[in-house]
C-alpha atoms as a PDB file:
ATOM      1  CA  MET A   1      -4.535  18.470  -4.923  1.00  0.00           C
ATOM      2  CA  GLU A   2      -3.287  15.371  -3.193  1.00  0.00           C
ATOM      3  CA  ALA A   3      -4.804  12.957  -0.673  1.00  0.00           C
ATOM      4  CA  GLN A   4      -2.972  10.233   1.167  1.00  0.00           C
ATOM      5  CA  ALA A   5      -3.510   7.182   3.341  1.00  0.00           C
ATOM      6  CA  LYS A   6      -0.949   5.664   5.677  1.00  0.00           C
ATOM      7  CA  GLN A   7      -0.799   2.403   7.532  1.00  0.00           C
ATOM      8  CA  LYS A   8       1.948   1.713  10.036  1.00  0.00           C
ATOM      9  CA  TYR A   9       3.321  -1.386  11.731  1.00  0.00           C
ATOM     10  CA  ILE A  10       2.093  -3.859   9.109  1.00  0.00           C
ATOM     11  CA  ARG A  11       3.327  -7.349  10.058  1.00  0.00           C
ATOM     12  CA  MET A  12       4.962  -7.966   6.689  1.00  0.00           C
ATOM     13  CA  THR A  13       8.369  -7.167   5.277  1.00  0.00           C
ATOM     14  CA  ALA A  14       8.734  -4.053   3.161  1.00  0.00           C
ATOM     15  CA  ARG A  15      10.337  -6.163   0.437  1.00  0.00           C
ATOM     16  CA  LYS A  16       7.152  -8.214  -0.023  1.00  0.00           C
ATOM     17  CA  MET A  17       5.084  -5.007  -0.102  1.00  0.00           C
ATOM     18  CA  ARG A  18       7.347  -3.444  -2.742  1.00  0.00           C
ATOM     19  CA  ARG A  19       6.821  -6.440  -5.036  1.00  0.00           C
ATOM     20  CA  VAL A  20       3.142  -5.457  -5.200  1.00  0.00           C
ATOM     21  CA  ILE A  21       3.340  -1.659  -5.200  1.00  0.00           C
ATOM     22  CA  ASN A  22       5.838  -1.556  -8.050  1.00  0.00           C
ATOM     23  CA  GLU A  23       3.131  -2.979 -10.319  1.00  0.00           C
ATOM     24  CA  VAL A  24       0.560  -0.242  -9.599  1.00  0.00           C
ATOM     25  CA  ARG A  25       2.734   2.864  -9.225  1.00  0.00           C
ATOM     26  CA  GLY A  26       1.678   5.631 -11.641  1.00  0.00           C
ATOM     27  CA  LYS A  27      -1.530   3.924 -12.778  1.00  0.00           C
ATOM     28  CA  SER A  28      -5.063   5.275 -12.524  1.00  0.00           C
ATOM     29  CA  VAL A  29      -6.965   4.243  -9.403  1.00  0.00           C
ATOM     30  CA  ASP A  30      -9.509   2.048 -11.201  1.00  0.00           C
ATOM     31  CA  GLU A  31      -6.786   0.219 -13.115  1.00  0.00           C
ATOM     32  CA  ALA A  32      -4.723  -0.243  -9.931  1.00  0.00           C
ATOM     33  CA  ILE A  33      -7.683  -1.721  -8.028  1.00  0.00           C
ATOM     34  CA  ASN A  34      -8.295  -4.204 -10.863  1.00  0.00           C
ATOM     35  CA  ILE A  35      -4.634  -5.235 -10.862  1.00  0.00           C
ATOM     36  CA  LEU A  36      -4.576  -5.658  -7.081  1.00  0.00           C
ATOM     37  CA  ARG A  37      -7.802  -7.667  -7.037  1.00  0.00           C
ATOM     38  CA  PHE A  38      -6.286 -10.441  -9.151  1.00  0.00           C
ATOM     39  CA  MET A  39      -2.822 -10.577  -7.578  1.00  0.00           C
ATOM     40  CA  PRO A  40      -2.171 -13.758  -5.584  1.00  0.00           C
ATOM     41  CA  TYR A  41      -0.163 -12.027  -2.829  1.00  0.00           C
ATOM     42  CA  PHE A  42      -1.462 -11.189   0.646  1.00  0.00           C
ATOM     43  CA  ALA A  43       0.234  -7.789   0.368  1.00  0.00           C
ATOM     44  CA  ALA A  44      -2.140  -6.941  -2.481  1.00  0.00           C
ATOM     45  CA  ARG A  45      -5.100  -7.056  -0.052  1.00  0.00           C
ATOM     46  CA  ILE A  46      -3.348  -4.591   2.263  1.00  0.00           C
ATOM     47  CA  VAL A  47      -2.420  -2.206  -0.564  1.00  0.00           C
ATOM     48  CA  GLU A  48      -5.938  -2.404  -2.039  1.00  0.00           C
ATOM     49  CA  LYS A  49      -7.508  -1.573   1.322  1.00  0.00           C
ATOM     50  CA  ASN A  50      -5.253   1.465   1.765  1.00  0.00           C
ATOM     51  CA  LEU A  51      -5.852   2.606  -1.807  1.00  0.00           C
ATOM     52  CA  ILE A  52      -9.597   2.605  -1.154  1.00  0.00           C
ATOM     53  CA  CYS A  53      -8.953   4.690   1.989  1.00  0.00           C
ATOM     54  CA  ALA A  54      -6.907   7.199  -0.029  1.00  0.00           C
ATOM     55  CA  VAL A  55      -9.723   7.477  -2.599  1.00  0.00           C
ATOM     56  CA  ALA A  56     -12.219   8.052   0.233  1.00  0.00           C
ATOM     57  CA  ASN A  57      -9.970  10.786   1.642  1.00  0.00           C
ATOM     58  CA  ALA A  58      -9.844  12.469  -1.776  1.00  0.00           C
ATOM     59  CA  ALA A  59     -13.624  12.220  -2.116  1.00  0.00           C
ATOM     60  CA  GLU A  60     -14.054  13.785   1.324  1.00  0.00           C
ATOM     61  CA  LYS A  61     -11.627  16.638   0.566  1.00  0.00           C
ATOM     62  CA  TRP A  62     -12.646  17.577  -2.978  1.00  0.00           C
ATOM     63  CA  GLY A  63     -15.680  15.461  -3.899  1.00  0.00           C
ATOM     64  CA  VAL A  64     -13.797  13.658  -6.689  1.00  0.00           C
ATOM     65  CA  SER A  65     -14.684  10.124  -7.745  1.00  0.00           C
ATOM     66  CA  SER A  66     -12.092   7.431  -8.400  1.00  0.00           C
ATOM     67  CA  GLU A  67     -12.208   7.923 -12.209  1.00  0.00           C
ATOM     68  CA  GLY A  68     -10.259  11.174 -12.024  1.00  0.00           C
ATOM     69  CA  LEU A  69      -7.535  10.003  -9.641  1.00  0.00           C
ATOM     70  CA  VAL A  70      -4.081   8.614 -10.287  1.00  0.00           C
ATOM     71  CA  LEU A  71      -1.499   7.090  -7.914  1.00  0.00           C
ATOM     72  CA  THR A  72       1.326   9.593  -7.672  1.00  0.00           C
ATOM     73  CA  GLU A  73       3.337   8.113  -4.798  1.00  0.00           C
ATOM     74  CA  VAL A  74       3.305   4.634  -3.328  1.00  0.00           C
ATOM     75  CA  TYR A  75       6.083   3.463  -1.054  1.00  0.00           C
ATOM     76  CA  ALA A  76       6.750   0.981   1.738  1.00  0.00           C
ATOM     77  CA  ASP A  77       9.321   1.791   4.397  1.00  0.00           C
ATOM     78  CA  GLU A  78      10.729  -0.525   7.015  1.00  0.00           C
ATOM     79  CA  GLY A  79       9.207  -0.351  10.459  1.00  0.00           C
ATOM     80  CA  PRO A  80      10.625  -1.646  13.715  1.00  0.00           C
ATOM     81  CA  THR A  81      11.741  -5.266  13.875  1.00  0.00           C
ATOM     82  CA  TYR A  82      10.346  -7.472  16.644  1.00  0.00           C
ATOM     83  CA  LYS A  83      12.971  -9.780  18.127  1.00  0.00           C
ATOM     84  CA  ARG A  84      11.733 -13.165  19.306  1.00  0.00           C
ATOM     85  CA  ALA A  85      13.483 -16.307  20.565  1.00  0.00           C
ATOM     86  CA  LYS A  86      13.228 -19.809  19.118  1.00  0.00           C
ATOM     87  CA  PRO A  87      14.349 -22.689  21.318  1.00  0.00           C
ATOM     88  CA  ARG A  88      16.883 -24.990  19.695  1.00  0.00           C
ATOM     89  CA  ALA A  89      18.710 -28.189  20.628  1.00  0.00           C
ATOM     90  CA  GLN A  90      20.929 -28.472  23.724  1.00  0.00           C
ATOM     91  CA  GLY A  91      19.471 -25.402  25.433  1.00  0.00           C
ATOM     92  CA  ARG A  92      20.439 -22.921  22.743  1.00  0.00           C
ATOM     93  CA  VAL A  93      18.251 -20.067  21.572  1.00  0.00           C
ATOM     94  CA  TYR A  94      18.146 -18.627  18.058  1.00  0.00           C
ATOM     95  CA  ARG A  95      16.872 -15.171  17.354  1.00  0.00           C
ATOM     96  CA  ARG A  96      13.869 -14.753  15.039  1.00  0.00           C
ATOM     97  CA  THR A  97      13.270 -11.333  13.560  1.00  0.00           C
ATOM     98  CA  LYS A  98       9.706 -10.392  12.699  1.00  0.00           C
ATOM     99  CA  ARG A  99       9.846  -7.416  10.393  1.00  0.00           C
ATOM    100  CA  THR A 100       7.219  -4.710   9.990  1.00  0.00           C
ATOM    101  CA  SER A 101       6.616  -2.016   7.393  1.00  0.00           C
ATOM    102  CA  HIS A 102       4.891   1.321   6.920  1.00  0.00           C
ATOM    103  CA  LEU A 103       2.807   1.894   3.771  1.00  0.00           C
ATOM    104  CA  THR A 104       2.049   5.326   2.277  1.00  0.00           C
ATOM    105  CA  ILE A 105      -0.249   5.895  -0.701  1.00  0.00           C
ATOM    106  CA  LYS A 106      -0.801   9.303  -2.302  1.00  0.00           C
ATOM    107  CA  VAL A 107      -3.393   9.966  -4.990  1.00  0.00           C
ATOM    108  CA  SER A 108      -3.924  13.165  -6.937  1.00  0.00           C
ATOM    109  CA  VAL A 109      -6.362  14.522  -9.471  1.00  0.00           C
ATOM    110  CA  ASP A 110      -5.277  13.990 -13.066  1.00  0.00           C
ATOM    111  CA  LYS A 111      -6.674  16.593 -15.478  1.00  0.00           C
ATOM    112  CA  LYS A 112      -6.691  14.199 -18.455  1.00  0.00           C
ATOM    113  CA  LEU A 113      -8.612  11.485 -16.627  1.00  0.00           C
ATOM    114  CA  LEU A 114     -11.009  14.016 -15.113  1.00  0.00           C
ATOM    115  CA  ASN A 115     -11.883  15.433 -18.545  1.00  0.00           C
ATOM    116  CA  LYS A 116     -12.280  11.925 -20.011  1.00  0.00           C
ATOM    117  CA  ALA A 117     -14.671  10.927 -17.169  1.00  0.00           C
ATOM    118  CA  LYS A 118     -16.946  13.915 -17.848  1.00  0.00           C
END
């Protein structure tokens, strides 16, 4: 039993997202939310929001609370890159790349945590 939440075209590089998701991968949902709440990175707010959506999807599918869930898969892929121009001296133009990313979070029911919660 697995529920997931996806967010696409996030205006942040996948590298910055991976710095955050590597800390919470494989943890229980409650522990991951506590870790994300106290991280100083903006990416932590995005990951936390999507994690809450994944928990809500699991609750809608199976009626499971967050105590019995664990993060099985969390990954950030690169999205399309927006190309913009920055004016420079003497009429030149430099290219600025604004990178995007796609975030996927999958949670599943863990038998050990589910028994401990009951």
